[in-house]
């Protein structure tokens, strides 16, 4: 039985007419974080230094990179694996080990 109609295309952020009508004053900018959000980010970035293994720390930092407008990760697991010279499943495991180090140190 066929599935219902659908599309695998992602939603576009802006229509072409909207893009053509942009001026210097109306540039697309990410929302400005509050001072509390910046403080929380600084604290969380400090946690990454608790990861002793350099490769695990790099993978965690790669995964933390998120596009400010779309909210999507900048690198997929496969791209991180290519950058690290390892299989994507391996680097995903490294990520979980890095997060486990942070969790253990933070909550014990």
Protein backbone atom coordinates (compact mmCIF):
# COMPACT_ATOMS: atom_id res chain seq x y z
CA UNK A 1 0.00 0.00 0.00
CA UNK A 2 1.56 3.33 -0.99
CA UNK A 3 2.30 5.90 1.66
CA UNK A 4 0.70 9.31 1.71
CA UNK A 5 2.07 12.18 -0.34
CA UNK A 6 5.07 13.94 1.10
CA UNK A 7 8.36 15.55 0.35
CA UNK A 8 11.83 14.93 1.72
CA UNK A 9 12.89 18.51 0.95
CA UNK A 10 13.61 20.63 4.00
CA UNK A 11 11.70 23.84 4.61
CA UNK A 12 13.43 26.87 3.12
CA UNK A 13 14.40 29.67 5.44
CA UNK A 14 13.44 32.46 3.02
CA UNK A 15 11.71 32.78 -0.31
CA UNK A 16 13.65 34.19 -3.29
CA UNK A 17 11.68 37.46 -3.24
CA UNK A 18 12.58 37.95 0.42
CA UNK A 19 16.27 37.39 -0.32
CA UNK A 20 16.25 39.85 -3.22
CA UNK A 21 14.64 42.56 -1.11
CA UNK A 22 17.29 42.46 1.64
CA UNK A 23 19.18 45.65 2.32
CA UNK A 24 22.29 46.28 4.42
CA UNK A 25 20.09 47.30 7.35
CA UNK A 26 18.05 44.11 7.20
CA UNK A 27 20.84 41.55 7.12
CA UNK A 28 20.03 38.18 8.57
CA UNK A 29 21.67 37.89 11.97
CA UNK A 30 21.50 35.28 14.67
CA UNK A 31 19.66 36.28 17.83
CA UNK A 32 21.85 37.97 20.43
CA UNK A 33 22.37 35.81 23.52
CA UNK A 34 21.60 37.24 26.93
CA UNK A 35 24.36 37.68 29.51
CA UNK A 36 22.98 34.68 31.44
CA UNK A 37 23.17 32.52 28.29
CA UNK A 38 26.76 33.63 27.68
CA UNK A 39 27.67 32.77 31.28
CA UNK A 40 26.12 29.30 30.91
CA UNK A 41 28.00 28.77 27.64
CA UNK A 42 31.31 29.81 29.22
CA UNK A 43 30.71 27.38 32.07
CA UNK A 44 29.85 24.52 29.67
CA UNK A 45 32.92 25.20 27.51
CA UNK A 46 35.04 24.91 30.64
CA UNK A 47 33.71 21.40 31.19
CA UNK A 48 35.23 20.26 27.89
CA UNK A 49 38.72 20.81 29.32
CA UNK A 50 38.00 18.00 31.80
CA UNK A 51 38.26 15.49 28.92
CA UNK A 52 41.89 14.32 29.03
CA UNK A 53 41.90 12.41 25.72
CA UNK A 54 42.58 14.94 22.95
CA UNK A 55 40.66 13.00 20.27
CA UNK A 56 37.58 12.67 22.47
CA UNK A 57 37.74 16.37 23.33
CA UNK A 58 38.02 17.35 19.65
CA UNK A 59 34.99 15.24 18.74
CA UNK A 60 32.93 16.86 21.51
CA UNK A 61 33.98 20.31 20.29
CA UNK A 62 33.13 19.44 16.66
CA UNK A 63 29.66 18.26 17.72
CA UNK A 64 29.12 21.43 19.77
CA UNK A 65 29.38 23.58 16.63
CA UNK A 66 25.81 24.54 15.77
CA UNK A 67 24.67 26.94 13.05
CA UNK A 68 23.21 30.02 14.77
CA UNK A 69 20.29 30.46 12.37
CA UNK A 70 19.26 26.90 11.53
CA UNK A 71 20.16 25.33 14.88
CA UNK A 72 21.62 22.33 13.06
CA UNK A 73 24.98 20.76 13.77
CA UNK A 74 27.63 22.06 11.37
CA UNK A 75 29.25 18.63 11.00
CA UNK A 76 27.58 15.25 10.65
CA UNK A 77 29.09 12.21 12.34
CA UNK A 78 30.48 11.11 8.98
CA UNK A 79 32.14 14.50 8.42
CA UNK A 80 33.65 14.42 11.90
CA UNK A 81 34.88 10.89 11.21
CA UNK A 82 36.52 12.05 7.98
CA UNK A 83 38.22 14.96 9.76
CA UNK A 84 39.49 12.66 12.50
CA UNK A 85 40.51 9.89 10.07
CA UNK A 86 38.22 7.36 11.75
CA UNK A 87 34.89 5.65 11.14
CA UNK A 88 31.82 7.69 12.08
CA UNK A 89 30.72 5.02 14.58
CA UNK A 90 34.09 5.24 16.32
CA UNK A 91 33.96 9.02 16.72
CA UNK A 92 30.38 8.81 17.96
CA UNK A 93 31.62 6.43 20.65
CA UNK A 94 34.40 8.87 21.51
CA UNK A 95 31.78 11.59 21.89
CA UNK A 96 29.80 9.50 24.37
CA UNK A 97 32.98 8.69 26.31
CA UNK A 98 33.84 12.40 26.45
CA UNK A 99 30.37 13.30 27.67
CA UNK A 100 30.63 10.48 30.25
CA UNK A 101 33.83 12.07 31.61
CA UNK A 102 32.06 15.43 31.96
CA UNK A 103 28.98 13.86 33.55
CA UNK A 104 31.05 11.84 36.02
CA UNK A 105 33.12 14.83 37.09
CA UNK A 106 30.14 17.20 37.27
CA UNK A 107 27.75 14.96 39.19
CA UNK A 108 30.01 12.90 41.49
